[in-house]
Amino acid sequence: MADRVYPSAKPNPQPPQALNGGGGNGEAPSFPPSKGQTYGATLPTYRPQPRKMPPPRRQRRRRGCCCSCCLWLSLILIALVFLASIAAGVFYVIYRPHLPTFEVNGLRLSAFNVSSSDHLTSRIDLNVTARNPSGKMAYLYDAASVSVSSGGVDVGDGSFPAFVHGAKNTTLLATKLSTSGGQTLDSKAAADLRKKTILPLEISVDTKVGVKIGSLKTKKMVIQVRCTGVKVAVPKGKAAPAVSSPNAACKVKLRIKIWKWIIS
């Protein structure tokens, strides 16, 4: 029996028509030229550029070093202050240091005269008691300069000799003060002194003192003693010398020099 030929279910598509004027004579279709072909330019060869590295951050490193240095210095200073405070506390507990005390227990104005030519002549006998309340410390005093003034006018000058002030010791200091060769005053100050019958006095003692603990001696420091509240009657003619009120207390100021600073 002969085979039957059945036609395909899908008809064969027609051959594509030529584009851009291309005919069906077998010529290849033409496509629009690219941008490079249009302008005749050649594309550059791609060459990767080296990557630029950011500059090293020196400022931050320097700032970090400065911060760390400041931190360490601060810690060192805090540690030194802490150790110094501990040492000071131990020293105070062991030695119980105290400043010396001074007291005027006698002053006699044996002569006091202001002449018509405004010359001052005076003689003063002064007794001062010095006490050292410290039990384990001695004070080493240099020679001290002593001056007595009234209302800002110098009425007598003298000195105390150098001495050693032992622990728990009381020392009596005596001196004579006078004006050197008759001091010339201005007219107003001379007139004020002539009118006074009671003379208020201020006594100043300036010297240097060192501390001795056992065999250890410290560097000497400036000490200033100021005694106020001393009053004495002005002798007239052949009257008996005037004696001041006893037991006038004094203030002591110690000036400690640390490098360029003075602590008082």
C-alpha atoms as a PDB file:
ATOM      1  CA  MET A   1       0.000   0.000   0.000  1.00  0.00           C
ATOM      2  CA  ALA A   2       1.421   3.309  -0.988  1.00  0.00           C
ATOM      3  CA  ASP A   3       2.301   5.914   1.729  1.00  0.00           C
ATOM      4  CA  ARG A   4       0.315   9.061   1.713  1.00  0.00           C
ATOM      5  CA  VAL A   5       2.012  12.387   1.942  1.00  0.00           C
ATOM      6  CA  TYR A   6       0.309  14.822   4.254  1.00  0.00           C
ATOM      7  CA  PRO A   7       1.010  18.546   3.978  1.00  0.00           C
ATOM      8  CA  SER A   8       2.616  20.206   7.086  1.00  0.00           C
ATOM      9  CA  ALA A   9       0.269  21.880   9.469  1.00  0.00           C
ATOM     10  CA  LYS A  10       2.320  25.089   9.461  1.00  0.00           C
ATOM     11  CA  PRO A  11       2.913  26.746   6.148  1.00  0.00           C
ATOM     12  CA  ASN A  12       6.532  27.623   5.340  1.00  0.00           C
ATOM     13  CA  PRO A  13       7.226  31.329   6.109  1.00  0.00           C
ATOM     14  CA  GLN A  14       8.152  33.532   3.311  1.00  0.00           C
ATOM     15  CA  PRO A  15      11.847  34.395   3.010  1.00  0.00           C
ATOM     16  CA  PRO A  16      12.797  37.684   4.777  1.00  0.00           C
ATOM     17  CA  GLN A  17      12.854  40.697   2.662  1.00  0.00           C
ATOM     18  CA  ALA A  18      16.083  42.594   2.249  1.00  0.00           C
ATOM     19  CA  LEU A  19      16.510  45.714   4.451  1.00  0.00           C
ATOM     20  CA  ASN A  20      17.975  49.053   3.406  1.00  0.00           C
ATOM     21  CA  GLY A  21      17.430  48.449  -0.217  1.00  0.00           C
ATOM     22  CA  GLY A  22      18.800  44.984  -0.093  1.00  0.00           C
ATOM     23  CA  GLY A  23      17.083  42.876  -2.700  1.00  0.00           C
ATOM     24  CA  GLY A  24      16.436  39.344  -2.729  1.00  0.00           C
ATOM     25  CA  ASN A  25      19.440  38.687  -4.888  1.00  0.00           C
ATOM     26  CA  GLY A  26      21.457  37.253  -1.999  1.00  0.00           C
ATOM     27  CA  GLU A  27      23.240  40.448  -0.867  1.00  0.00           C
ATOM     28  CA  ALA A  28      23.959  40.836   2.916  1.00  0.00           C
ATOM     29  CA  PRO A  29      21.860  43.381   4.711  1.00  0.00           C
ATOM     30  CA  SER A  30      23.547  46.616   5.702  1.00  0.00           C
ATOM     31  CA  PHE A  31      23.457  47.962   9.336  1.00  0.00           C
ATOM     32  CA  PRO A  32      23.849  51.584  10.433  1.00  0.00           C
ATOM     33  CA  PRO A  33      27.490  52.489  11.027  1.00  0.00           C
ATOM     34  CA  SER A  34      28.738  52.911  14.668  1.00  0.00           C
ATOM     35  CA  LYS A  35      29.786  56.267  16.142  1.00  0.00           C
ATOM     36  CA  GLY A  36      33.458  55.481  15.635  1.00  0.00           C
ATOM     37  CA  GLN A  37      32.941  54.558  12.064  1.00  0.00           C
ATOM     38  CA  THR A  38      30.823  57.636  11.490  1.00  0.00           C
ATOM     39  CA  TYR A  39      33.427  60.187  12.612  1.00  0.00           C
ATOM     40  CA  GLY A  40      36.507  58.230  11.722  1.00  0.00           C
ATOM     41  CA  ALA A  41      37.798  58.257  15.320  1.00  0.00           C
ATOM     42  CA  THR A  42      39.731  55.451  16.936  1.00  0.00           C
ATOM     43  CA  LEU A  43      39.017  54.502  20.516  1.00  0.00           C
ATOM     44  CA  PRO A  44      41.987  55.004  22.904  1.00  0.00           C
ATOM     45  CA  THR A  45      43.586  52.020  24.473  1.00  0.00           C
ATOM     46  CA  TYR A  46      42.500  51.562  28.083  1.00  0.00           C
ATOM     47  CA  ARG A  47      45.392  51.985  30.422  1.00  0.00           C
ATOM     48  CA  PRO A  48      44.632  51.703  34.142  1.00  0.00           C
ATOM     49  CA  GLN A  49      45.957  54.642  36.165  1.00  0.00           C
ATOM     50  CA  PRO A  50      47.893  53.941  39.367  1.00  0.00           C
ATOM     51  CA  ARG A  51      45.821  54.538  42.452  1.00  0.00           C
ATOM     52  CA  LYS A  52      46.861  57.556  44.438  1.00  0.00           C
ATOM     53  CA  MET A  53      47.531  56.773  48.062  1.00  0.00           C
ATOM     54  CA  PRO A  54      46.362  59.321  50.640  1.00  0.00           C
ATOM     55  CA  PRO A  55      49.173  61.227  52.369  1.00  0.00           C
ATOM     56  CA  PRO A  56      50.224  59.880  55.755  1.00  0.00           C
ATOM     57  CA  ARG A  57      48.350  61.417  58.642  1.00  0.00           C
ATOM     58  CA  ARG A  58      51.243  62.939  60.555  1.00  0.00           C
ATOM     59  CA  GLN A  59      49.193  65.506  62.397  1.00  0.00           C
ATOM     60  CA  ARG A  60      47.065  62.873  64.077  1.00  0.00           C
ATOM     61  CA  ARG A  61      50.144  60.929  65.081  1.00  0.00           C
ATOM     62  CA  ARG A  62      51.720  64.054  66.536  1.00  0.00           C
ATOM     63  CA  ARG A  63      48.555  64.915  68.385  1.00  0.00           C
ATOM     64  CA  GLY A  64      48.386  61.390  69.739  1.00  0.00           C
ATOM     65  CA  CYS A  65      51.985  61.606  70.985  1.00  0.00           C
ATOM     66  CA  CYS A  66      51.348  64.986  72.623  1.00  0.00           C
ATOM     67  CA  CYS A  67      48.222  63.706  74.340  1.00  0.00           C
ATOM     68  CA  SER A  68      50.011  60.644  75.660  1.00  0.00           C
ATOM     69  CA  CYS A  69      52.942  62.771  76.916  1.00  0.00           C
ATOM     70  CA  CYS A  70      50.572  65.174  78.691  1.00  0.00           C
ATOM     71  CA  LEU A  71      48.743  62.255  80.247  1.00  0.00           C
ATOM     72  CA  TRP A  72      51.945  60.686  81.581  1.00  0.00           C
ATOM     73  CA  LEU A  73      53.212  64.017  82.908  1.00  0.00           C
ATOM     74  CA  SER A  74      49.920  64.606  84.683  1.00  0.00           C
ATOM     75  CA  LEU A  75      50.045  61.152  86.240  1.00  0.00           C
ATOM     76  CA  ILE A  76      53.653  61.703  87.368  1.00  0.00           C
ATOM     77  CA  LEU A  77      52.806  65.063  88.931  1.00  0.00           C
ATOM     78  CA  ILE A  78      49.793  63.615  90.721  1.00  0.00           C
ATOM     79  CA  ALA A  79      51.948  60.779  92.031  1.00  0.00           C
ATOM     80  CA  LEU A  80      54.640  63.217  93.254  1.00  0.00           C
ATOM     81  CA  VAL A  81      52.068  65.385  95.013  1.00  0.00           C
ATOM     82  CA  PHE A  82      50.545  62.314  96.616  1.00  0.00           C
ATOM     83  CA  LEU A  83      53.935  61.086  97.840  1.00  0.00           C
ATOM     84  CA  ALA A  84      54.869  64.569  99.106  1.00  0.00           C
ATOM     85  CA  SER A  85      51.615  64.814 101.061  1.00  0.00           C
ATOM     86  CA  ILE A  86      52.258  61.408 102.621  1.00  0.00           C
ATOM     87  CA  ALA A  87      55.821  62.413 103.557  1.00  0.00           C
ATOM     88  CA  ALA A  88      54.583  65.709 105.042  1.00  0.00           C
ATOM     89  CA  GLY A  89      51.971  63.874 107.082  1.00  0.00           C
ATOM     90  CA  VAL A  90      54.526  61.405 108.436  1.00  0.00           C
ATOM     91  CA  PHE A  91      56.933  64.268 109.232  1.00  0.00           C
ATOM     92  CA  TYR A  92      54.246  66.189 111.113  1.00  0.00           C
ATOM     93  CA  VAL A  93      53.191  63.168 113.123  1.00  0.00           C
ATOM     94  CA  ILE A  94      56.782  62.398 114.157  1.00  0.00           C
ATOM     95  CA  TYR A  95      58.224  65.883 114.809  1.00  0.00           C
ATOM     96  CA  ARG A  96      55.139  68.086 115.447  1.00  0.00           C
ATOM     97  CA  PRO A  97      56.735  71.277 114.003  1.00  0.00           C
ATOM     98  CA  HIS A  98      55.557  74.680 115.236  1.00  0.00           C
ATOM     99  CA  LEU A  99      56.646  78.204 114.414  1.00  0.00           C
ATOM    100  CA  PRO A 100      58.473  80.050 117.184  1.00  0.00           C
ATOM    101  CA  THR A 101      56.567  82.696 119.121  1.00  0.00           C
ATOM    102  CA  PHE A 102      57.744  86.161 120.175  1.00  0.00           C
ATOM    103  CA  GLU A 103      56.448  88.492 122.852  1.00  0.00           C
ATOM    104  CA  VAL A 104      57.438  91.986 123.961  1.00  0.00           C
ATOM    105  CA  ASN A 105      57.708  91.825 127.736  1.00  0.00           C
ATOM    106  CA  GLY A 106      59.569  95.065 128.341  1.00  0.00           C
ATOM    107  CA  LEU A 107      60.109  98.426 126.618  1.00  0.00           C
ATOM    108  CA  ARG A 108      61.480 101.578 128.207  1.00  0.00           C
ATOM    109  CA  LEU A 109      61.612 104.926 126.457  1.00  0.00           C
ATOM    110  CA  SER A 110      64.473 106.611 128.274  1.00  0.00           C
ATOM    111  CA  ALA A 111      64.797 109.594 125.932  1.00  0.00           C
ATOM    112  CA  PHE A 112      62.582 111.156 123.309  1.00  0.00           C
ATOM    113  CA  ASN A 113      62.968 114.713 122.045  1.00  0.00           C
ATOM    114  CA  VAL A 114      62.039 116.571 118.861  1.00  0.00           C
ATOM    115  CA  SER A 115      64.066 119.782 118.562  1.00  0.00           C
ATOM    116  CA  SER A 116      62.935 123.049 117.012  1.00  0.00           C
ATOM    117  CA  SER A 117      64.988 122.168 113.932  1.00  0.00           C
ATOM    118  CA  ASP A 118      62.942 118.930 113.517  1.00  0.00           C
ATOM    119  CA  HIS A 119      65.707 116.620 114.753  1.00  0.00           C
ATOM    120  CA  LEU A 120      64.609 113.474 116.608  1.00  0.00           C
ATOM    121  CA  THR A 121      66.664 112.022 119.466  1.00  0.00           C
ATOM    122  CA  SER A 122      65.520 108.798 121.134  1.00  0.00           C
ATOM    123  CA  ARG A 123      66.779 105.916 123.247  1.00  0.00           C
ATOM    124  CA  ILE A 124      64.774 102.740 123.772  1.00  0.00           C
ATOM    125  CA  ASP A 125      65.470  99.630 125.859  1.00  0.00           C
ATOM    126  CA  LEU A 126      63.676  96.588 124.415  1.00  0.00           C
ATOM    127  CA  ASN A 127      63.207  93.081 125.832  1.00  0.00           C
ATOM    128  CA  VAL A 128      61.661  90.329 123.709  1.00  0.00           C
ATOM    129  CA  THR A 129      60.949  86.751 124.776  1.00  0.00           C
ATOM    130  CA  ALA A 130      61.291  84.037 122.107  1.00  0.00           C
ATOM    131  CA  ARG A 131      59.807  80.564 122.649  1.00  0.00           C
ATOM    132  CA  ASN A 132      60.298  77.354 120.664  1.00  0.00           C
ATOM    133  CA  PRO A 133      57.273  75.064 121.211  1.00  0.00           C
ATOM    134  CA  SER A 134      58.679  72.243 119.037  1.00  0.00           C
ATOM    135  CA  GLY A 135      59.937  69.252 120.968  1.00  0.00           C
ATOM    136  CA  LYS A 136      62.382  67.811 118.408  1.00  0.00           C
ATOM    137  CA  MET A 137      63.418  70.815 116.324  1.00  0.00           C
ATOM    138  CA  ALA A 138      65.925  73.593 116.994  1.00  0.00           C
ATOM    139  CA  TYR A 139      66.064  76.969 115.236  1.00  0.00           C
ATOM    140  CA  LEU A 140      69.324  78.609 114.154  1.00  0.00           C
ATOM    141  CA  TYR A 141      68.978  82.401 113.935  1.00  0.00           C
ATOM    142  CA  ASP A 142      71.258  84.879 112.187  1.00  0.00           C
ATOM    143  CA  ALA A 143      71.807  88.350 113.618  1.00  0.00           C
ATOM    144  CA  ALA A 144      68.510  90.248 113.412  1.00  0.00           C
ATOM    145  CA  SER A 145      67.817  93.877 112.568  1.00  0.00           C
ATOM    146  CA  VAL A 146      65.306  95.597 114.867  1.00  0.00           C
ATOM    147  CA  SER A 147      63.436  98.826 114.149  1.00  0.00           C
ATOM    148  CA  VAL A 148      60.775 100.732 116.079  1.00  0.00           C
ATOM    149  CA  SER A 149      58.391 103.126 114.332  1.00  0.00           C
ATOM    150  CA  SER A 150      55.459 105.310 115.284  1.00  0.00           C
ATOM    151  CA  GLY A 151      52.940 106.335 112.636  1.00  0.00           C
ATOM    152  CA  GLY A 152      55.371 105.379 109.879  1.00  0.00           C
ATOM    153  CA  VAL A 153      58.239 107.425 111.405  1.00  0.00           C
ATOM    154  CA  ASP A 154      61.387 105.559 112.428  1.00  0.00           C
ATOM    155  CA  VAL A 155      62.116 106.315 116.089  1.00  0.00           C
ATOM    156  CA  GLY A 156      64.882 103.781 116.819  1.00  0.00           C
ATOM    157  CA  ASP A 157      67.088 101.074 115.296  1.00  0.00           C
ATOM    158  CA  GLY A 158      69.124  98.247 116.779  1.00  0.00           C
ATOM    159  CA  SER A 159      69.899  94.546 116.458  1.00  0.00           C
ATOM    160  CA  PHE A 160      69.769  91.161 118.164  1.00  0.00           C
ATOM    161  CA  PRO A 161      72.794  88.852 118.111  1.00  0.00           C
ATOM    162  CA  ALA A 162      72.693  85.444 116.417  1.00  0.00           C
ATOM    163  CA  PHE A 163      71.603  82.591 118.674  1.00  0.00           C
ATOM    164  CA  VAL A 164      70.497  78.944 118.721  1.00  0.00           C
ATOM    165  CA  HIS A 165      66.928  78.291 119.834  1.00  0.00           C
ATOM    166  CA  GLY A 166      66.803  74.776 121.250  1.00  0.00           C
ATOM    167  CA  ALA A 167      63.757  72.520 121.414  1.00  0.00           C
ATOM    168  CA  LYS A 168      61.248  73.501 124.109  1.00  0.00           C
ATOM    169  CA  ASN A 169      63.451  76.472 124.936  1.00  0.00           C
ATOM    170  CA  THR A 170      62.690  80.062 125.974  1.00  0.00           C
ATOM    171  CA  THR A 171      65.237  82.798 125.208  1.00  0.00           C
ATOM    172  CA  LEU A 172      65.237  86.420 126.395  1.00  0.00           C
ATOM    173  CA  LEU A 173      66.528  88.931 123.825  1.00  0.00           C
ATOM    174  CA  ALA A 174      67.556  92.424 124.917  1.00  0.00           C
ATOM    175  CA  THR A 175      68.789  95.366 122.891  1.00  0.00           C
ATOM    176  CA  LYS A 176      69.113  99.157 122.946  1.00  0.00           C
ATOM    177  CA  LEU A 177      67.709 101.176 120.057  1.00  0.00           C
ATOM    178  CA  SER A 178      68.361 104.792 119.141  1.00  0.00           C
ATOM    179  CA  THR A 179      68.262 107.211 116.237  1.00  0.00           C
ATOM    180  CA  SER A 180      71.604 107.513 114.469  1.00  0.00           C
ATOM    181  CA  GLY A 181      73.005 111.011 114.895  1.00  0.00           C
ATOM    182  CA  GLY A 182      69.625 112.672 115.313  1.00  0.00           C
ATOM    183  CA  GLN A 183      67.131 111.911 112.568  1.00  0.00           C
ATOM    184  CA  THR A 184      65.766 114.844 110.572  1.00  0.00           C
ATOM    185  CA  LEU A 185      61.986 114.763 110.172  1.00  0.00           C
ATOM    186  CA  ASP A 186      59.678 116.687 107.898  1.00  0.00           C
ATOM    187  CA  SER A 187      57.810 119.551 109.550  1.00  0.00           C
ATOM    188  CA  LYS A 188      54.414 117.814 109.643  1.00  0.00           C
ATOM    189  CA  ALA A 189      55.739 114.584 111.228  1.00  0.00           C
ATOM    190  CA  ALA A 190      57.796 116.574 113.747  1.00  0.00           C
ATOM    191  CA  ALA A 191      54.754 118.649 114.729  1.00  0.00           C
ATOM    192  CA  ASP A 192      52.641 115.505 115.218  1.00  0.00           C
ATOM    193  CA  LEU A 193      55.274 113.880 117.450  1.00  0.00           C
ATOM    194  CA  ARG A 194      55.566 117.018 119.619  1.00  0.00           C
ATOM    195  CA  LYS A 195      51.829 116.923 120.373  1.00  0.00           C
ATOM    196  CA  LYS A 196      51.708 113.280 121.447  1.00  0.00           C
ATOM    197  CA  THR A 197      51.781 112.246 125.079  1.00  0.00           C
ATOM    198  CA  ILE A 198      51.182 108.536 124.346  1.00  0.00           C
ATOM    199  CA  LEU A 199      53.350 107.078 121.638  1.00  0.00           C
ATOM    200  CA  PRO A 200      51.984 104.003 119.743  1.00  0.00           C
ATOM    201  CA  LEU A 201      54.870 101.845 118.574  1.00  0.00           C
ATOM    202  CA  GLU A 202      55.354  99.085 116.025  1.00  0.00           C
ATOM    203  CA  ILE A 203      58.355  96.774 116.398  1.00  0.00           C
ATOM    204  CA  SER A 204      59.822  94.931 113.410  1.00  0.00           C
ATOM    205  CA  VAL A 205      62.410  92.140 113.576  1.00  0.00           C
ATOM    206  CA  ASP A 206      63.901  90.778 110.334  1.00  0.00           C
ATOM    207  CA  THR A 207      66.331  87.878 110.193  1.00  0.00           C
ATOM    208  CA  LYS A 208      67.000  84.440 108.726  1.00  0.00           C
ATOM    209  CA  VAL A 209      66.410  81.139 110.460  1.00  0.00           C
ATOM    210  CA  GLY A 210      67.315  77.537 109.733  1.00  0.00           C
ATOM    211  CA  VAL A 211      65.894  74.330 111.171  1.00  0.00           C
ATOM    212  CA  LYS A 212      68.015  71.644 112.814  1.00  0.00           C
ATOM    213  CA  ILE A 213      66.640  68.118 113.234  1.00  0.00           C
ATOM    214  CA  GLY A 214      69.262  65.859 114.768  1.00  0.00           C
ATOM    215  CA  SER A 215      72.323  66.301 112.567  1.00  0.00           C
ATOM    216  CA  LEU A 216      70.304  67.578 109.594  1.00  0.00           C
ATOM    217  CA  LYS A 217      70.258  71.327 108.910  1.00  0.00           C
ATOM    218  CA  THR A 218      67.988  73.029 106.403  1.00  0.00           C
ATOM    219  CA  LYS A 219      68.704  76.084 104.303  1.00  0.00           C
ATOM    220  CA  LYS A 220      67.969  79.314 106.134  1.00  0.00           C
ATOM    221  CA  MET A 221      64.729  81.133 105.381  1.00  0.00           C
ATOM    222  CA  VAL A 222      63.596  84.725 105.911  1.00  0.00           C
ATOM    223  CA  ILE A 223      61.506  85.275 109.041  1.00  0.00           C
ATOM    224  CA  GLN A 224      59.672  88.503 109.862  1.00  0.00           C
ATOM    225  CA  VAL A 225      58.311  89.391 113.288  1.00  0.00           C
ATOM    226  CA  ARG A 226      55.811  92.244 113.668  1.00  0.00           C
ATOM    227  CA  CYS A 227      54.736  93.460 117.125  1.00  0.00           C
ATOM    228  CA  THR A 228      51.871  95.953 117.353  1.00  0.00           C
ATOM    229  CA  GLY A 229      49.720  97.324 120.134  1.00  0.00           C
ATOM    230  CA  VAL A 230      52.701  98.654 122.100  1.00  0.00           C
ATOM    231  CA  LYS A 231      52.041 102.035 123.708  1.00  0.00           C
ATOM    232  CA  VAL A 232      54.371 104.093 125.856  1.00  0.00           C
ATOM    233  CA  ALA A 233      54.102 107.502 127.505  1.00  0.00           C
ATOM    234  CA  VAL A 234      56.418 110.212 126.213  1.00  0.00           C
ATOM    235  CA  PRO A 235      58.745 111.404 129.015  1.00  0.00           C
ATOM    236  CA  LYS A 236      58.740 115.163 129.617  1.00  0.00           C
ATOM    237  CA  GLY A 237      61.726 116.942 131.074  1.00  0.00           C
ATOM    238  CA  LYS A 238      63.215 115.081 133.993  1.00  0.00           C
ATOM    239  CA  ALA A 239      60.356 112.643 134.335  1.00  0.00           C
ATOM    240  CA  ALA A 240      61.103 108.973 134.916  1.00  0.00           C
ATOM    241  CA  PRO A 241      61.485 106.806 131.804  1.00  0.00           C
ATOM    242  CA  ALA A 242      58.186 105.454 130.537  1.00  0.00           C
ATOM    243  CA  VAL A 243      57.535 101.726 130.457  1.00  0.00           C
ATOM    244  CA  SER A 244      55.127 100.158 128.000  1.00  0.00           C
ATOM    245  CA  SER A 245      52.321  97.779 128.786  1.00  0.00           C
ATOM    246  CA  PRO A 246      53.857  94.271 129.059  1.00  0.00           C
ATOM    247  CA  ASN A 247      53.114  91.086 127.118  1.00  0.00           C
ATOM    248  CA  ALA A 248      52.417  92.562 123.668  1.00  0.00           C
ATOM    249  CA  ALA A 249      51.979  89.620 121.282  1.00  0.00           C
ATOM    250  CA  CYS A 250      53.768  89.462 117.918  1.00  0.00           C
ATOM    251  CA  LYS A 251      52.960  87.909 114.553  1.00  0.00           C
ATOM    252  CA  VAL A 252      55.507  85.656 112.863  1.00  0.00           C
ATOM    253  CA  LYS A 253      55.704  85.287 109.091  1.00  0.00           C
ATOM    254  CA  LEU A 254      58.017  82.752 107.469  1.00  0.00           C
ATOM    255  CA  ARG A 255      58.940  83.296 103.833  1.00  0.00           C
ATOM    256  CA  ILE A 256      59.952  80.107 101.984  1.00  0.00           C
ATOM    257  CA  LYS A 257      61.548  80.448  98.545  1.00  0.00           C
ATOM    258  CA  ILE A 258      60.944  77.541  96.152  1.00  0.00           C
ATOM    259  CA  TRP A 259      62.839  78.153  92.906  1.00  0.00           C
ATOM    260  CA  LYS A 260      61.346  81.493  91.799  1.00  0.00           C
ATOM    261  CA  TRP A 261      58.310  81.539  94.076  1.00  0.00           C
ATOM    262  CA  ILE A 262      58.179  82.920  97.600  1.00  0.00           C
ATOM    263  CA  ILE A 263      55.593  81.385  99.935  1.00  0.00           C
ATOM    264  CA  SER A 264      54.784  83.303 103.102  1.00  0.00           C
END
